[in-house]
Amino acid sequence: MDVKDLMSNAAHLTDNEFEQKLNRLIRENFRYQNLDQKNREVVMDLFRKYKKKIRDGVGISMDTLENEMHHLFQERLKLNLTEEDLKDIKEILWMFKR
């Protein structure tokens, strides 16, 4: 499953199903395999925060994405995020921009 499939089916999925499919997408995509469980949780926390907008097909605004990435960059040491992790998280979040 890719992002387009997930988004086209989002309206027909329960919140739990949507979150499971999103988690599976992040976990199984070969480009994001370097993200450990803690880093994936950072991504999932952000998706939980904006889940309604994503499910409604609105997406996340560029300003919001930039603010979230700025916050993650500031907290990178505390969250133990590498530059590669930040790059991957940004790429994942950008898939859901409006």
C-alpha atoms as a PDB file:
ATOM      1  CA  MET A   1       0.000   0.000   0.000  1.00  0.00           C
ATOM      2  CA  ASP A   2       1.202   3.489  -0.801  1.00  0.00           C
ATOM      3  CA  VAL A   3       0.069   6.907   0.353  1.00  0.00           C
ATOM      4  CA  LYS A   4      -2.374   7.351  -2.539  1.00  0.00           C
ATOM      5  CA  ASP A   5      -4.098   4.059  -1.697  1.00  0.00           C
ATOM      6  CA  LEU A   6      -4.255   4.981   1.960  1.00  0.00           C
ATOM      7  CA  MET A   7      -5.710   8.407   1.241  1.00  0.00           C
ATOM      8  CA  SER A   8      -8.279   7.114  -1.249  1.00  0.00           C
ATOM      9  CA  ASN A   9      -9.564   4.616   1.346  1.00  0.00           C
ATOM     10  CA  ALA A  10      -9.209   6.881   4.391  1.00  0.00           C
ATOM     11  CA  ALA A  11     -12.860   7.935   4.510  1.00  0.00           C
ATOM     12  CA  HIS A  12     -13.970   4.293   4.644  1.00  0.00           C
ATOM     13  CA  LEU A  13     -11.617   3.247   7.432  1.00  0.00           C
ATOM     14  CA  THR A  14     -12.133   3.519  11.162  1.00  0.00           C
ATOM     15  CA  ASP A  15      -9.639   5.631  13.109  1.00  0.00           C
ATOM     16  CA  ASN A  16      -7.942   2.478  14.350  1.00  0.00           C
ATOM     17  CA  GLU A  17      -7.732   0.923  10.868  1.00  0.00           C
ATOM     18  CA  PHE A  18      -6.383   4.151   9.417  1.00  0.00           C
ATOM     19  CA  GLU A  19      -3.702   4.375  12.099  1.00  0.00           C
ATOM     20  CA  GLN A  20      -2.729   0.710  11.632  1.00  0.00           C
ATOM     21  CA  LYS A  21      -2.376   1.114   7.869  1.00  0.00           C
ATOM     22  CA  LEU A  22      -0.389   4.296   8.298  1.00  0.00           C
ATOM     23  CA  ASN A  23       1.885   2.603  10.813  1.00  0.00           C
ATOM     24  CA  ARG A  24       2.350  -0.343   8.453  1.00  0.00           C
ATOM     25  CA  LEU A  25       3.146   2.009   5.582  1.00  0.00           C
ATOM     26  CA  ILE A  26       5.892   3.684   7.606  1.00  0.00           C
ATOM     27  CA  ARG A  27       7.194   0.436   9.096  1.00  0.00           C
ATOM     28  CA  GLU A  28       7.324  -1.570   5.855  1.00  0.00           C
ATOM     29  CA  ASN A  29       8.479   1.059   3.373  1.00  0.00           C
ATOM     30  CA  PHE A  30      12.085   0.243   2.535  1.00  0.00           C
ATOM     31  CA  ARG A  31      13.029   3.937   2.417  1.00  0.00           C
ATOM     32  CA  TYR A  32      12.213   4.382   6.107  1.00  0.00           C
ATOM     33  CA  GLN A  33      13.668   1.188   7.550  1.00  0.00           C
ATOM     34  CA  ASN A  34      16.441   3.124   9.274  1.00  0.00           C
ATOM     35  CA  LEU A  35      13.835   4.712  11.586  1.00  0.00           C
ATOM     36  CA  ASP A  36      13.809   2.821  14.848  1.00  0.00           C
ATOM     37  CA  GLN A  37      10.662   2.242  16.902  1.00  0.00           C
ATOM     38  CA  LYS A  38      11.131   5.422  18.922  1.00  0.00           C
ATOM     39  CA  ASN A  39      11.491   7.499  15.752  1.00  0.00           C
ATOM     40  CA  ARG A  40       8.415   5.883  14.231  1.00  0.00           C
ATOM     41  CA  GLU A  41       6.508   6.827  17.366  1.00  0.00           C
ATOM     42  CA  VAL A  42       7.542  10.452  16.836  1.00  0.00           C
ATOM     43  CA  VAL A  43       6.036  10.258  13.343  1.00  0.00           C
ATOM     44  CA  MET A  44       2.902   8.490  14.567  1.00  0.00           C
ATOM     45  CA  ASP A  45       2.408  11.107  17.303  1.00  0.00           C
ATOM     46  CA  LEU A  46       2.449  13.800  14.627  1.00  0.00           C
ATOM     47  CA  PHE A  47      -0.045  11.852  12.525  1.00  0.00           C
ATOM     48  CA  ARG A  48      -2.315  11.389  15.504  1.00  0.00           C
ATOM     49  CA  LYS A  49      -2.205  15.142  16.009  1.00  0.00           C
ATOM     50  CA  TYR A  50      -3.329  15.805  12.398  1.00  0.00           C
ATOM     51  CA  LYS A  51      -5.244  12.591  11.703  1.00  0.00           C
ATOM     52  CA  LYS A  52      -8.599  14.291  11.161  1.00  0.00           C
ATOM     53  CA  LYS A  53      -7.198  16.676   8.542  1.00  0.00           C
ATOM     54  CA  ILE A  54      -5.377  13.836   6.799  1.00  0.00           C
ATOM     55  CA  ARG A  55      -8.440  11.558   6.812  1.00  0.00           C
ATOM     56  CA  ASP A  56     -10.670  14.373   5.544  1.00  0.00           C
ATOM     57  CA  GLY A  57      -8.308  14.801   2.589  1.00  0.00           C
ATOM     58  CA  VAL A  58      -7.342  18.328   3.626  1.00  0.00           C
ATOM     59  CA  GLY A  59      -3.779  17.418   4.485  1.00  0.00           C
ATOM     60  CA  ILE A  60      -1.296  19.366   6.571  1.00  0.00           C
ATOM     61  CA  SER A  61      -0.431  22.934   5.584  1.00  0.00           C
ATOM     62  CA  MET A  62       3.118  23.853   4.610  1.00  0.00           C
ATOM     63  CA  ASP A  63       3.360  26.280   7.528  1.00  0.00           C
ATOM     64  CA  THR A  64       2.352  23.563   9.960  1.00  0.00           C
ATOM     65  CA  LEU A  65       4.840  21.132   8.439  1.00  0.00           C
ATOM     66  CA  GLU A  66       7.628  23.679   8.653  1.00  0.00           C
ATOM     67  CA  ASN A  67       6.757  24.445  12.286  1.00  0.00           C
ATOM     68  CA  GLU A  68       6.690  20.756  13.211  1.00  0.00           C
ATOM     69  CA  MET A  69      10.050  20.138  11.516  1.00  0.00           C
ATOM     70  CA  HIS A  70      11.524  23.179  13.266  1.00  0.00           C
ATOM     71  CA  HIS A  71      10.304  21.833  16.600  1.00  0.00           C
ATOM     72  CA  LEU A  72      11.755  18.377  15.841  1.00  0.00           C
ATOM     73  CA  PHE A  73      15.062  19.953  14.859  1.00  0.00           C
ATOM     74  CA  GLN A  74      15.168  21.843  18.156  1.00  0.00           C
ATOM     75  CA  GLU A  75      14.344  18.673  20.093  1.00  0.00           C
ATOM     76  CA  ARG A  76      16.555  16.346  18.022  1.00  0.00           C
ATOM     77  CA  LEU A  77      19.073  15.688  20.785  1.00  0.00           C
ATOM     78  CA  LYS A  78      16.420  14.967  23.382  1.00  0.00           C
ATOM     79  CA  LEU A  79      14.562  12.715  20.915  1.00  0.00           C
ATOM     80  CA  ASN A  80      17.843  11.157  19.728  1.00  0.00           C
ATOM     81  CA  LEU A  81      17.126  11.996  16.074  1.00  0.00           C
ATOM     82  CA  THR A  82      19.930  11.957  13.545  1.00  0.00           C
ATOM     83  CA  GLU A  83      20.016  14.173  10.464  1.00  0.00           C
ATOM     84  CA  GLU A  84      19.027  11.136   8.402  1.00  0.00           C
ATOM     85  CA  ASP A  85      16.065  10.493  10.710  1.00  0.00           C
ATOM     86  CA  LEU A  86      14.947  14.107  10.358  1.00  0.00           C
ATOM     87  CA  LYS A  87      15.235  13.865   6.590  1.00  0.00           C
ATOM     88  CA  ASP A  88      13.119  10.697   6.526  1.00  0.00           C
ATOM     89  CA  ILE A  89      10.510  12.150   8.874  1.00  0.00           C
ATOM     90  CA  LYS A  90      10.281  15.255   6.720  1.00  0.00           C
ATOM     91  CA  GLU A  91       9.827  13.110   3.608  1.00  0.00           C
ATOM     92  CA  ILE A  92       7.050  11.121   5.292  1.00  0.00           C
ATOM     93  CA  LEU A  93       5.244  14.242   6.497  1.00  0.00           C
ATOM     94  CA  TRP A  94       5.544  15.945   3.114  1.00  0.00           C
ATOM     95  CA  MET A  95       3.525  13.092   1.576  1.00  0.00           C
ATOM     96  CA  PHE A  96       0.518  14.473   3.484  1.00  0.00           C
ATOM     97  CA  LYS A  97       0.892  18.164   2.694  1.00  0.00           C
ATOM     98  CA  ARG A  98      -1.893  20.108   1.084  1.00  0.00           C
END
